[in-house]
């Protein structure tokens, strides 16, 4: 049987959403019944993410993400419903009943893929000791990777064979299609129309913070492209939302995370005692990865390659990390191209000194701006001033702006007052723009930006408002469903399929004598629909919920329906009867 509805209701009721969300983001200030924070789902500088402990729901006025506790865990952990339920249940000491119904199919598929990945990781690790993996062992010896690191990271080998993994996994009962969906095989002309994804590569299992093998990264041995091959996105893995080595680095006591570009850099740093190193997975740094880092440390040290590509990657990563509130430093590699080479040429103590003396991100970016402009010419100085003051205007601390402003003034050969004036002007323009955008978002009618309540071209504005108002009123006071029933109102009368679905959920809950609190209703919807419902529920209600309010909303919905129908005799008769009932005060 599926997880009982009563268990889900009890779980949501036992969960304090402020405590839950507070484990992922810093709840900063209270305003009315809401506690605001910087949104964990999009980058922002002004908190627009609201958690309402009374209503046990969250909503971001910036990006529109919203829902209840289950939706939050699903969204922030990138998990399906069943797995989110298990995490929440563990937090409050509840045991999830067995789920053997149709609704568990996706969860079962996900569990089987994780089992397959674990079996594949074990196979790759065992292959490292086989005669077929001599080249991989030689490469590890050349890079001075210790046996302890091989074990710690679960490193493995994919020999130069077309179907070695495929044969082994199919022998364990996994199908060709399962291997293809897990990104371990590709369709082709080899065995049973498929062949191994990873061949002639050193294998790095990608392990998430829960210890699950979610994907793989393979480095080519010898010549060949691509140098690194990563698993494609699957139902258990997203490159843009995970970091290599975070499962180990999150336990570090270093007080910082060291961000590198390559997996070998991570292994080398851990081997030399820097156990907080992580790396992105073959992609440029993403906002999701930055937010993931901020959950485990308040400080980041960027140690990217020293080439031009590494410098560009550093400049892309800095603002993403800055928006999470992390303290940021940038390490220059000196005469080495990356951390691995630096440690080979020098020593752990030298790298530690490098970190301690590293530039903060402001110094680094100002240096890059200065090196990009010829300050010996008037045109170059003006462009330098424009770029530098733009950067300074983004700094939140006035003393910080004054210190760096003095340096910019000295470099540009102008007064600090001129720099301060330019910076303040840009701050004013930015603040005004952000304030107008936020006010627009907050005042925006529910779903208007995305057409979430139905097709705008087919909905009359006042009818749409009536349908939304009806749903809000019924959720606030479920006893008012009786007034709707007295008028014979049904979900078929909604012009919005989504609102009809919400009405159906409410009707079912009421008929089963179940609670209709917002948080519990939200638990019945997937994240995209929970966002739409949260948007609706966070819109101010013009009318106080009452039986008369319900009647008025239904009258408005029906009148709009009559106006949009072809004026045949049946419609006219229905309209007359409806009008007569209203005139005599009937239903």
Protein backbone atom coordinates (compact mmCIF):
# COMPACT_ATOMS: atom_id res chain seq x y z
CA UNK A 1 0.00 0.00 0.00
CA UNK A 2 1.10 3.62 -0.52
CA UNK A 3 2.22 5.71 2.45
CA UNK A 4 -0.99 6.41 4.40
CA UNK A 5 -2.35 9.94 4.14
CA UNK A 6 -2.65 10.02 7.92
CA UNK A 7 1.09 9.40 8.28
CA UNK A 8 1.94 12.25 5.91
CA UNK A 9 -0.40 14.61 7.79
CA UNK A 10 1.15 13.58 11.11
CA UNK A 11 4.66 14.05 9.71
CA UNK A 12 3.92 17.55 8.41
CA UNK A 13 2.26 18.46 11.71
CA UNK A 14 5.30 17.19 13.65
CA UNK A 15 7.73 19.24 11.55
CA UNK A 16 8.58 22.82 12.47
CA UNK A 17 9.25 24.39 9.08
CA UNK A 18 11.29 27.25 10.55
CA UNK A 19 13.58 24.72 12.25
CA UNK A 20 13.74 22.64 9.05
CA UNK A 21 14.55 25.55 6.75
CA UNK A 22 16.94 27.02 9.33
CA UNK A 23 19.12 23.95 8.89
CA UNK A 24 19.82 25.03 5.32
CA UNK A 25 19.67 28.83 5.31
CA UNK A 26 20.21 31.58 7.85
CA UNK A 27 16.83 33.02 8.84
CA UNK A 28 17.69 36.68 9.25
CA UNK A 29 14.81 38.91 10.31
CA UNK A 30 11.17 38.73 11.29
CA UNK A 31 8.58 40.92 9.65
CA UNK A 32 5.05 40.34 10.88
CA UNK A 33 4.37 36.61 10.83
CA UNK A 34 7.18 35.91 8.33
CA UNK A 35 10.87 35.24 8.91
CA UNK A 36 12.94 36.36 5.92
CA UNK A 37 16.18 34.97 4.52
CA UNK A 38 18.21 35.04 1.34
CA UNK A 39 16.55 32.56 -1.00
CA UNK A 40 18.34 29.18 -1.26
CA UNK A 41 16.86 28.67 -4.74
CA UNK A 42 18.09 31.79 -6.54
CA UNK A 43 20.82 34.36 -6.06
CA UNK A 44 19.83 37.62 -4.39
CA UNK A 45 21.22 40.28 -2.07
CA UNK A 46 17.95 41.45 -0.51
CA UNK A 47 16.07 38.74 1.45
CA UNK A 48 12.78 37.89 -0.25
CA UNK A 49 12.43 34.28 0.95
CA UNK A 50 9.74 34.14 3.63
CA UNK A 51 9.08 31.32 6.10
CA UNK A 52 5.78 31.51 7.96
CA UNK A 53 5.89 29.37 11.13
CA UNK A 54 2.18 29.95 11.83
CA UNK A 55 1.09 28.70 8.41
CA UNK A 56 3.97 26.21 8.18
CA UNK A 57 4.82 27.20 4.62
CA UNK A 58 7.46 29.13 2.70
CA UNK A 59 7.36 31.44 -0.30
CA UNK A 60 9.96 33.45 -2.18
CA UNK A 61 8.67 36.76 -3.53
CA UNK A 62 11.67 36.83 -5.85
CA UNK A 63 11.64 33.52 -7.75
CA UNK A 64 8.20 32.21 -6.78
CA UNK A 65 9.38 29.00 -5.11
CA UNK A 66 6.98 27.98 -2.39
CA UNK A 67 5.21 25.17 -0.60
CA UNK A 68 5.26 23.22 2.63
CA UNK A 69 7.94 21.26 4.45
CA UNK A 70 7.88 18.28 2.08
CA UNK A 71 8.16 20.53 -0.97
CA UNK A 72 11.14 22.31 0.61
CA UNK A 73 13.09 19.10 1.22
CA UNK A 74 12.29 17.79 -2.27
CA UNK A 75 13.45 21.06 -3.85
CA UNK A 76 16.59 21.76 -1.85
CA UNK A 77 17.82 18.15 -1.76
CA UNK A 78 16.67 17.38 -5.33
CA UNK A 79 14.82 14.31 -4.06
CA UNK A 80 11.64 12.48 -5.03
CA UNK A 81 8.66 12.47 -2.66
CA UNK A 82 9.42 9.17 -0.89
CA UNK A 83 13.04 10.10 -0.12
CA UNK A 84 12.01 13.51 1.20
CA UNK A 85 9.49 11.80 3.48
CA UNK A 86 12.21 9.50 4.82
CA UNK A 87 14.54 12.42 5.61
CA UNK A 88 11.78 14.33 7.39
CA UNK A 89 10.65 11.26 9.31
CA UNK A 90 14.19 10.61 10.53
CA UNK A 91 14.41 14.21 11.79
CA UNK A 92 11.36 13.82 14.03
CA UNK A 93 11.85 10.18 15.03
CA UNK A 94 9.06 8.67 12.94
CA UNK A 95 9.22 5.45 10.88
CA UNK A 96 7.87 5.52 7.34
CA UNK A 97 5.43 2.68 6.59
CA UNK A 98 6.31 0.39 3.70
CA UNK A 99 5.08 1.69 0.35
CA UNK A 100 4.34 -1.00 -2.22
CA UNK A 101 1.80 0.87 -4.32
CA UNK A 102 2.05 2.41 -7.79
CA UNK A 103 3.14 5.69 -6.26
CA UNK A 104 6.40 4.05 -5.16
CA UNK A 105 7.53 3.20 -8.71
CA UNK A 106 9.80 6.23 -9.11
CA UNK A 107 11.30 5.75 -5.66
CA UNK A 108 11.93 2.09 -6.43
CA UNK A 109 13.54 3.01 -9.76
CA UNK A 110 15.73 5.52 -7.97
CA UNK A 111 16.76 2.99 -5.32
CA UNK A 112 17.60 0.43 -7.98
CA UNK A 113 19.75 2.96 -9.86
CA UNK A 114 21.63 3.77 -6.66
CA UNK A 115 22.16 0.05 -6.07
CA UNK A 116 23.45 -0.30 -9.64
CA UNK A 117 25.83 2.64 -9.14
CA UNK A 118 27.15 1.11 -5.93
CA UNK A 119 27.72 -2.21 -7.68
CA UNK A 120 29.44 -0.43 -10.59
CA UNK A 121 31.69 1.51 -8.18
CA UNK A 122 32.67 -1.75 -6.49
CA UNK A 123 33.38 -3.31 -9.91
CA UNK A 124 35.58 -0.37 -11.00
CA UNK A 125 37.47 -0.47 -7.68
CA UNK A 126 38.10 -4.21 -8.00
CA UNK A 127 39.23 -3.81 -11.61
CA UNK A 128 42.01 -1.47 -10.44
CA UNK A 129 43.82 -4.59 -9.16
CA UNK A 130 43.35 -6.59 -12.37
CA UNK A 131 45.99 -7.15 -15.09
CA UNK A 132 43.77 -5.11 -17.44
CA UNK A 133 44.31 -1.92 -15.42
CA UNK A 134 48.09 -1.65 -15.54
CA UNK A 135 47.98 1.71 -17.33
CA UNK A 136 45.65 3.17 -14.71
CA UNK A 137 47.88 1.94 -11.86
CA UNK A 138 50.91 3.44 -13.60
CA UNK A 139 49.13 6.74 -13.92
CA UNK A 140 48.25 6.79 -10.21
CA UNK A 141 51.85 5.97 -9.33
CA UNK A 142 53.08 8.75 -11.61
CA UNK A 143 50.74 11.19 -9.85
CA UNK A 144 51.94 9.87 -6.46
CA UNK A 145 48.43 8.93 -5.32
CA UNK A 146 48.68 6.80 -2.18
CA UNK A 147 46.79 3.56 -1.55
CA UNK A 148 45.03 5.30 1.32
CA UNK A 149 43.60 7.90 -1.10
CA UNK A 150 42.58 5.19 -3.56
CA UNK A 151 40.56 3.61 -0.78
CA UNK A 152 39.29 6.90 0.69
CA UNK A 153 37.87 8.09 -2.65
CA UNK A 154 36.96 4.61 -3.91
CA UNK A 155 39.00 5.15 -7.08
CA UNK A 156 38.66 2.55 -9.78
CA UNK A 157 39.55 1.58 -13.33
CA UNK A 158 37.59 1.10 -16.52
CA UNK A 159 39.89 -0.95 -18.78
CA UNK A 160 39.90 -0.44 -22.54
CA UNK A 161 37.05 -2.85 -23.17
CA UNK A 162 33.69 -2.30 -24.86
CA UNK A 163 31.43 -4.37 -22.60
CA UNK A 164 33.32 -5.32 -19.44
CA UNK A 165 31.05 -3.38 -17.07
CA UNK A 166 27.96 -4.20 -19.10
CA UNK A 167 28.67 -7.95 -18.86
CA UNK A 168 29.38 -7.74 -15.12
CA UNK A 169 26.26 -5.75 -14.25
CA UNK A 170 23.93 -7.77 -16.50
CA UNK A 171 25.35 -10.83 -14.74
CA UNK A 172 24.10 -9.32 -11.48
CA UNK A 173 20.55 -8.98 -12.84
CA UNK A 174 20.55 -5.41 -14.18
CA UNK A 175 19.18 -4.80 -17.65
CA UNK A 176 20.81 -3.06 -20.60
CA UNK A 177 18.18 -0.31 -20.34
CA UNK A 178 18.94 0.25 -16.66
CA UNK A 179 22.64 0.72 -17.44
CA UNK A 180 21.81 3.17 -20.23
CA UNK A 181 19.46 5.16 -17.97
CA UNK A 182 22.15 5.27 -15.27
CA UNK A 183 24.67 6.68 -17.77
CA UNK A 184 26.89 3.61 -17.46
CA UNK A 185 26.25 2.38 -21.00
CA UNK A 186 25.33 3.79 -24.38
CA UNK A 187 23.22 2.42 -27.20
CA UNK A 188 25.38 1.10 -30.02
CA UNK A 189 26.43 -1.86 -32.12
CA UNK A 190 28.19 -3.86 -29.41
CA UNK A 191 26.73 -6.50 -27.08
CA UNK A 192 22.92 -6.46 -27.17
CA UNK A 193 23.08 -3.04 -28.87
CA UNK A 194 24.96 -1.29 -26.04
CA UNK A 195 28.51 -0.63 -24.86
CA UNK A 196 30.27 0.74 -21.78
CA UNK A 197 30.25 4.52 -21.30
CA UNK A 198 33.61 4.53 -19.47
CA UNK A 199 36.59 2.87 -21.19
CA UNK A 200 40.35 3.29 -20.64
CA UNK A 201 39.76 5.68 -17.76
CA UNK A 202 40.61 6.27 -14.13
CA UNK A 203 37.24 6.29 -12.37
CA UNK A 204 36.19 8.72 -9.63
CA UNK A 205 32.86 7.76 -8.02
CA UNK A 206 30.74 10.82 -7.24
CA UNK A 207 29.30 10.34 -3.76
CA UNK A 208 26.69 12.64 -2.25
CA UNK A 209 26.55 13.84 1.36
CA UNK A 210 24.33 10.88 2.29
CA UNK A 211 27.01 8.45 1.10
CA UNK A 212 25.18 7.35 -2.04
CA UNK A 213 27.10 6.79 -5.29
CA UNK A 214 25.15 9.05 -7.64
CA UNK A 215 27.45 9.16 -10.68
CA UNK A 216 30.97 8.84 -12.03
CA UNK A 217 33.76 10.91 -13.48
CA UNK A 218 36.40 9.24 -15.64
CA UNK A 219 39.81 10.63 -16.64
CA UNK A 220 41.24 9.34 -19.90
CA UNK A 221 44.53 7.42 -19.66
CA UNK A 222 46.87 8.66 -22.36
CA UNK A 223 45.67 10.72 -25.29
CA UNK A 224 42.01 11.15 -26.13
CA UNK A 225 39.01 13.40 -25.71
CA UNK A 226 37.27 14.35 -23.60
CA UNK A 227 39.94 14.42 -20.89
CA UNK A 228 37.23 14.04 -18.24
CA UNK A 229 33.96 12.24 -18.95
CA UNK A 230 31.13 12.66 -16.46
CA UNK A 231 27.90 10.75 -16.02
CA UNK A 232 24.95 12.45 -17.72
CA UNK A 233 22.16 13.82 -15.56
CA UNK A 234 19.89 11.07 -14.27
CA UNK A 235 17.10 10.76 -11.74
CA UNK A 236 19.78 10.52 -9.01
CA UNK A 237 22.48 12.83 -10.39
CA UNK A 238 22.77 16.42 -11.57
CA UNK A 239 26.24 17.78 -12.39
CA UNK A 240 25.21 21.35 -11.66
CA UNK A 241 23.93 20.52 -8.16
CA UNK A 242 26.76 18.38 -6.79
CA UNK A 243 30.45 18.69 -5.96
CA UNK A 244 33.15 16.04 -6.09
CA UNK A 245 34.59 15.35 -2.63
CA UNK A 246 31.89 17.14 -0.62
CA UNK A 247 30.94 13.89 1.12
CA UNK A 248 34.41 14.01 2.75
CA UNK A 249 34.99 17.78 2.92
CA UNK A 250 31.77 18.42 4.84
CA UNK A 251 33.34 16.67 7.86
CA UNK A 252 36.42 18.90 7.83
CA UNK A 253 37.23 21.16 10.79
CA UNK A 254 39.24 23.57 8.61
CA UNK A 255 36.55 26.26 8.69
CA UNK A 256 36.63 26.66 4.91
CA UNK A 257 36.03 24.78 1.68
CA UNK A 258 38.79 24.83 -0.94
CA UNK A 259 37.25 24.94 -4.42
CA UNK A 260 39.33 23.46 -7.25
CA UNK A 261 38.73 22.69 -10.90
CA UNK A 262 39.87 19.07 -11.07
CA UNK A 263 39.25 15.79 -9.28
CA UNK A 264 42.99 15.09 -9.08
CA UNK A 265 43.48 18.43 -7.31
CA UNK A 266 40.95 17.30 -4.69
CA UNK A 267 42.70 13.96 -4.20
CA UNK A 268 46.13 15.62 -3.95
CA UNK A 269 44.94 18.21 -1.44
CA UNK A 270 43.29 15.59 0.77
CA UNK A 271 46.44 13.47 0.60
CA UNK A 272 48.50 16.40 1.88
CA UNK A 273 46.15 17.18 4.76
CA UNK A 274 43.76 19.69 3.17
CA UNK A 275 40.61 17.68 3.80
CA UNK A 276 38.15 20.42 2.83
CA UNK A 277 38.85 20.40 -0.93
CA UNK A 278 36.02 19.96 -3.45
CA UNK A 279 35.64 20.36 -7.22
CA UNK A 280 32.90 21.11 -9.69
CA UNK A 281 31.96 18.27 -12.02
CA UNK A 282 33.09 19.25 -15.48
CA UNK A 283 30.98 22.42 -15.52
CA UNK A 284 31.50 26.06 -14.71
CA UNK A 285 30.60 26.90 -11.13
CA UNK A 286 26.83 27.12 -10.74
CA UNK A 287 24.59 28.97 -8.28
CA UNK A 288 23.33 25.61 -6.98
CA UNK A 289 26.89 24.47 -6.24
CA UNK A 290 27.65 27.77 -4.50
CA UNK A 291 24.57 27.43 -2.31
CA UNK A 292 25.52 23.81 -1.59
CA UNK A 293 28.97 24.94 -0.38
CA UNK A 294 27.43 27.59 1.86
CA UNK A 295 25.49 24.91 3.76
CA UNK A 296 28.72 23.37 5.02
CA UNK A 297 31.04 26.34 5.50
CA UNK A 298 30.95 30.11 5.78
CA UNK A 299 34.28 30.51 3.96
CA UNK A 300 35.52 29.55 0.50
CA UNK A 301 39.02 29.54 -0.93
CA UNK A 302 39.12 29.44 -4.73
CA UNK A 303 42.17 27.54 -6.00
CA UNK A 304 41.54 27.27 -9.73
CA UNK A 305 44.16 26.72 -12.42
CA UNK A 306 46.50 29.63 -13.13
CA UNK A 307 45.82 29.76 -16.89
CA UNK A 308 43.45 32.24 -18.55
CA UNK A 309 40.56 29.76 -18.45
CA UNK A 310 41.11 29.37 -14.71
CA UNK A 311 41.10 33.13 -14.20
CA UNK A 312 37.84 33.46 -16.12
CA UNK A 313 36.35 30.62 -14.07
CA UNK A 314 37.44 32.40 -10.88
CA UNK A 315 35.71 35.62 -11.91
CA UNK A 316 32.52 33.65 -12.66
CA UNK A 317 32.63 31.82 -9.34
CA UNK A 318 33.24 34.84 -7.10
CA UNK A 319 29.83 36.56 -7.48
CA UNK A 320 28.01 33.23 -7.13
CA UNK A 321 29.76 32.50 -3.85
CA UNK A 322 29.48 36.11 -2.69
CA UNK A 323 25.71 36.02 -3.02
CA UNK A 324 25.56 33.15 -0.53
CA UNK A 325 27.25 35.33 2.10
CA UNK A 326 30.44 33.25 2.22
CA UNK A 327 33.79 34.87 2.89
CA UNK A 328 35.91 34.43 -0.25
CA UNK A 329 39.65 34.29 -0.86
CA UNK A 330 41.52 33.56 -4.09
CA UNK A 331 44.76 31.59 -4.14
CA UNK A 332 47.34 32.33 -6.84
CA UNK A 333 49.31 29.24 -7.89
CA UNK A 334 52.57 31.09 -8.47
CA UNK A 335 54.84 28.95 -10.66
CA UNK A 336 52.38 26.03 -10.75
CA UNK A 337 49.39 25.51 -13.00
CA UNK A 338 47.15 23.95 -10.33
CA UNK A 339 47.16 22.84 -6.65
CA UNK A 340 48.35 19.33 -7.52
CA UNK A 341 51.42 20.66 -9.32
CA UNK A 342 52.07 23.21 -6.58
CA UNK A 343 52.14 20.48 -3.92
CA UNK A 344 54.47 18.40 -6.09
CA UNK A 345 56.88 21.31 -6.55
CA UNK A 346 56.70 22.66 -3.01
CA UNK A 347 55.13 21.38 0.21
CA UNK A 348 51.91 21.34 2.25
CA UNK A 349 53.33 24.09 4.45
CA UNK A 350 53.98 26.24 1.37
CA UNK A 351 50.39 25.74 0.24
CA UNK A 352 49.12 26.57 3.73
CA UNK A 353 51.15 29.78 3.62
CA UNK A 354 49.67 30.46 0.18
CA UNK A 355 46.14 30.21 1.60
CA UNK A 356 46.93 32.38 4.62
CA UNK A 357 48.39 35.09 2.40
CA UNK A 358 45.79 34.81 -0.35
CA UNK A 359 43.94 37.81 -1.64
CA UNK A 360 40.34 38.38 -0.80
CA UNK A 361 38.02 38.43 -3.76
CA UNK A 362 37.83 42.24 -3.92
CA UNK A 363 41.60 42.60 -4.24
CA UNK A 364 41.66 39.88 -6.86
CA UNK A 365 38.91 41.44 -8.98
CA UNK A 366 40.40 44.93 -8.72
CA UNK A 367 43.72 43.52 -9.87
CA UNK A 368 42.04 41.85 -12.86
CA UNK A 369 40.24 45.11 -13.73
CA UNK A 370 43.48 47.08 -13.49
CA UNK A 371 45.35 44.59 -15.66
CA UNK A 372 42.58 44.84 -18.26
CA UNK A 373 42.88 48.61 -18.75
CA UNK A 374 45.69 50.92 -19.80
CA UNK A 375 45.64 53.52 -17.03
CA UNK A 376 48.36 55.54 -18.75
CA UNK A 377 45.73 56.92 -21.17
CA UNK A 378 42.72 59.08 -20.31
CA UNK A 379 40.33 56.68 -22.05
CA UNK A 380 41.84 53.70 -20.23
CA UNK A 381 41.63 55.47 -16.86
CA UNK A 382 37.95 56.35 -17.40
CA UNK A 383 37.12 52.75 -18.30
CA UNK A 384 39.08 51.52 -15.30
CA UNK A 385 37.22 53.95 -13.01
CA UNK A 386 33.84 52.87 -14.42
CA UNK A 387 34.56 49.15 -13.94
CA UNK A 388 36.20 49.57 -10.53
CA UNK A 389 33.44 51.78 -9.08
CA UNK A 390 30.83 49.32 -10.37
CA UNK A 391 32.59 46.61 -8.37
CA UNK A 392 32.89 48.82 -5.27
CA UNK A 393 29.19 49.70 -5.44
CA UNK A 394 28.38 45.99 -4.96
CA UNK A 395 30.21 45.84 -1.61
CA UNK A 396 27.89 45.88 1.39
CA UNK A 397 30.33 47.44 3.87
CA UNK A 398 30.98 51.20 3.75
CA UNK A 399 34.44 50.91 5.40
CA UNK A 400 35.31 48.26 2.81
CA UNK A 401 34.20 50.61 0.01
CA UNK A 402 36.29 53.44 1.47
CA UNK A 403 39.45 51.34 1.83
CA UNK A 404 39.31 49.97 -1.69
CA UNK A 405 38.03 53.26 -3.04
CA UNK A 406 41.23 54.93 -1.84
CA UNK A 407 43.27 52.34 -3.72
CA UNK A 408 41.25 52.88 -6.89
CA UNK A 409 41.66 56.65 -6.55
CA UNK A 410 45.42 56.28 -6.20
CA UNK A 411 45.65 54.00 -9.24
CA UNK A 412 43.46 56.31 -11.33
CA UNK A 413 45.21 59.46 -10.10
CA UNK A 414 42.04 61.24 -8.95
CA UNK A 415 40.57 62.23 -5.58
CA UNK A 416 38.96 59.72 -3.24
CA UNK A 417 35.93 62.07 -3.09
CA UNK A 418 35.36 61.58 -6.82
CA UNK A 419 35.50 57.81 -6.45
CA UNK A 420 33.18 57.89 -3.41
CA UNK A 421 30.68 60.07 -5.29
CA UNK A 422 30.65 57.71 -8.29
CA UNK A 423 30.22 54.68 -6.05
CA UNK A 424 27.34 56.22 -4.06
CA UNK A 425 25.61 57.22 -7.29
CA UNK A 426 25.76 53.65 -8.57
CA UNK A 427 24.53 52.29 -5.24
CA UNK A 428 21.53 54.63 -5.38
CA UNK A 429 20.66 53.59 -8.91
CA UNK A 430 20.97 49.89 -8.05
CA UNK A 431 18.97 50.13 -4.84
CA UNK A 432 16.18 51.99 -6.58
CA UNK A 433 16.06 49.45 -9.35
CA UNK A 434 16.07 46.49 -6.97
CA UNK A 435 13.41 48.09 -4.75
CA UNK A 436 11.09 48.67 -7.71
CA UNK A 437 11.61 45.12 -8.97
CA UNK A 438 10.93 43.61 -5.55
CA UNK A 439 7.81 45.74 -5.02
CA UNK A 440 6.59 44.66 -8.44
CA UNK A 441 7.15 40.99 -7.59
CA UNK A 442 5.45 41.23 -4.20
CA UNK A 443 2.43 43.10 -5.57
CA UNK A 444 2.15 40.90 -8.63
CA UNK A 445 -1.11 38.90 -8.70
CA UNK A 446 -0.65 35.22 -8.00
CA UNK A 447 0.64 33.36 -11.02
CA UNK A 448 0.29 36.31 -13.37
CA UNK A 449 3.91 36.22 -14.43
CA UNK A 450 3.73 32.56 -15.45
CA UNK A 451 0.06 32.16 -16.28
CA UNK A 452 -0.03 29.53 -13.58
CA UNK A 453 -3.73 29.52 -12.85
CA UNK A 454 -4.85 28.77 -16.35
CA UNK A 455 -4.72 30.13 -19.87
CA UNK A 456 -4.83 33.95 -19.65
CA UNK A 457 -6.36 34.15 -23.09
CA UNK A 458 -9.35 32.06 -22.03
CA UNK A 459 -9.99 33.46 -18.56
CA UNK A 460 -11.91 36.62 -17.85
CA UNK A 461 -10.01 38.61 -15.28
CA UNK A 462 -12.85 38.87 -12.78
CA UNK A 463 -13.70 35.18 -13.13
CA UNK A 464 -10.07 34.22 -12.52
CA UNK A 465 -10.02 36.41 -9.40
CA UNK A 466 -13.27 34.82 -8.21
CA UNK A 467 -11.89 31.31 -8.67
CA UNK A 468 -8.72 32.18 -6.77
CA UNK A 469 -10.70 33.93 -4.04
CA UNK A 470 -12.99 30.93 -3.69
CA UNK A 471 -10.02 28.60 -3.16
CA UNK A 472 -8.35 30.93 -0.67
CA UNK A 473 -11.56 31.28 1.31
CA UNK A 474 -12.20 27.54 1.43
CA UNK A 475 -8.66 26.79 2.61
CA UNK A 476 -8.92 29.45 5.32
CA UNK A 477 -12.28 28.12 6.50
CA UNK A 478 -13.17 24.61 5.33
CA UNK A 479 -16.66 24.89 6.90
CA UNK A 480 -17.54 27.21 4.03
CA UNK A 481 -17.49 24.23 1.66
CA UNK A 482 -21.04 23.66 2.89
CA UNK A 483 -22.13 26.92 1.24
CA UNK A 484 -20.58 25.81 -2.05
CA UNK A 485 -22.33 22.45 -1.78
CA UNK A 486 -25.67 24.16 -1.15
CA UNK A 487 -25.24 25.98 -4.48
CA UNK A 488 -24.42 22.71 -6.23
CA UNK A 489 -20.95 24.00 -7.16
CA UNK A 490 -18.50 21.42 -8.51
CA UNK A 491 -14.91 21.36 -9.75
CA UNK A 492 -16.16 21.10 -13.36
CA UNK A 493 -17.23 24.75 -13.16
CA UNK A 494 -13.64 26.02 -12.82
CA UNK A 495 -12.06 27.40 -15.97
CA UNK A 496 -8.63 26.61 -14.48
CA UNK A 497 -7.76 22.89 -14.39
CA UNK A 498 -5.28 23.56 -11.60
CA UNK A 499 -7.82 25.30 -9.35
CA UNK A 500 -10.31 22.53 -10.10
CA UNK A 501 -7.70 20.06 -8.84
CA UNK A 502 -7.18 22.07 -5.63
CA UNK A 503 -10.94 22.18 -5.11
CA UNK A 504 -11.04 18.40 -5.55
CA UNK A 505 -8.28 17.90 -2.98
CA UNK A 506 -10.14 20.13 -0.51
CA UNK A 507 -13.45 18.34 -1.12
CA UNK A 508 -11.83 14.96 -0.55
CA UNK A 509 -10.09 16.07 2.65
CA UNK A 510 -13.30 17.52 4.03
CA UNK A 511 -15.31 14.42 3.14
CA UNK A 512 -12.70 12.29 4.96
CA UNK A 513 -12.78 14.64 7.96
CA UNK A 514 -9.09 15.50 7.44
CA UNK A 515 -7.39 18.78 8.30
CA UNK A 516 -7.28 21.41 5.53
CA UNK A 517 -4.51 23.60 6.91
CA UNK A 518 -2.40 25.13 4.18
CA UNK A 519 0.72 23.09 4.95
CA UNK A 520 -1.25 19.83 4.77
CA UNK A 521 -2.98 20.75 1.52
CA UNK A 522 0.39 21.72 0.00
CA UNK A 523 1.78 18.28 0.87
CA UNK A 524 -0.54 16.77 -1.75
CA UNK A 525 1.09 18.61 -4.65
CA UNK A 526 4.32 18.23 -6.57
CA UNK A 527 6.72 21.17 -6.34
CA UNK A 528 5.60 23.06 -9.46
CA UNK A 529 1.95 22.95 -8.37
CA UNK A 530 2.88 23.74 -4.75
CA UNK A 531 4.62 26.88 -6.05
CA UNK A 532 1.45 27.94 -7.86
CA UNK A 533 -0.74 27.29 -4.83
CA UNK A 534 1.71 29.12 -2.53
CA UNK A 535 1.63 32.09 -4.87
CA UNK A 536 -2.15 32.12 -4.70
CA UNK A 537 -2.24 31.77 -0.91
CA UNK A 538 0.22 34.64 -0.44
CA UNK A 539 -1.96 37.03 -2.38
CA UNK A 540 -4.01 39.36 -0.18
CA UNK A 541 -7.69 38.48 0.01
CA UNK A 542 -10.03 41.42 -0.65
CA UNK A 543 -13.08 39.83 1.01
CA UNK A 544 -13.41 38.27 4.46
CA UNK A 545 -14.25 34.55 4.10
CA UNK A 546 -17.94 33.98 4.82
CA UNK A 547 -20.91 32.10 3.42
CA UNK A 548 -21.95 35.21 1.52
CA UNK A 549 -18.43 35.58 0.13
CA UNK A 550 -18.61 32.02 -1.21
CA UNK A 551 -21.99 32.71 -2.82
CA UNK A 552 -20.68 35.91 -4.42
CA UNK A 553 -17.63 34.18 -5.83
CA UNK A 554 -19.70 31.35 -7.29
CA UNK A 555 -22.22 33.82 -8.76
CA UNK A 556 -19.37 35.69 -10.43
CA UNK A 557 -17.91 32.48 -11.85
CA UNK A 558 -21.25 31.38 -13.25
CA UNK A 559 -22.12 34.77 -14.68
CA UNK A 560 -18.84 34.86 -16.54
CA UNK A 561 -19.55 31.38 -17.87
CA UNK A 562 -22.90 32.57 -19.25
CA UNK A 563 -21.28 35.58 -20.89
CA UNK A 564 -18.76 33.44 -22.74
CA UNK A 565 -21.30 30.85 -23.95
CA UNK A 566 -23.10 31.03 -27.26
CA UNK A 567 -26.56 32.55 -26.57
CA UNK A 568 -28.65 29.46 -27.40
CA UNK A 569 -32.06 28.86 -25.80
CA UNK A 570 -30.77 26.43 -23.16
CA UNK A 571 -28.13 28.89 -22.00
CA UNK A 572 -30.63 31.75 -21.87
CA UNK A 573 -33.03 29.64 -19.81
CA UNK A 574 -30.24 28.70 -17.38
CA UNK A 575 -29.27 32.36 -17.06
CA UNK A 576 -32.89 33.39 -16.36
CA UNK A 577 -33.29 30.76 -13.65
CA UNK A 578 -29.95 31.76 -12.11
CA UNK A 579 -30.99 35.44 -12.10
CA UNK A 580 -34.38 34.66 -10.55
CA UNK A 581 -32.72 32.76 -7.70
CA UNK A 582 -30.43 35.70 -7.00
CA UNK A 583 -33.30 38.19 -7.09
CA UNK A 584 -35.34 36.28 -4.53
CA UNK A 585 -32.34 35.59 -2.33
CA UNK A 586 -32.12 31.91 -3.11
CA UNK A 587 -29.08 29.80 -3.74
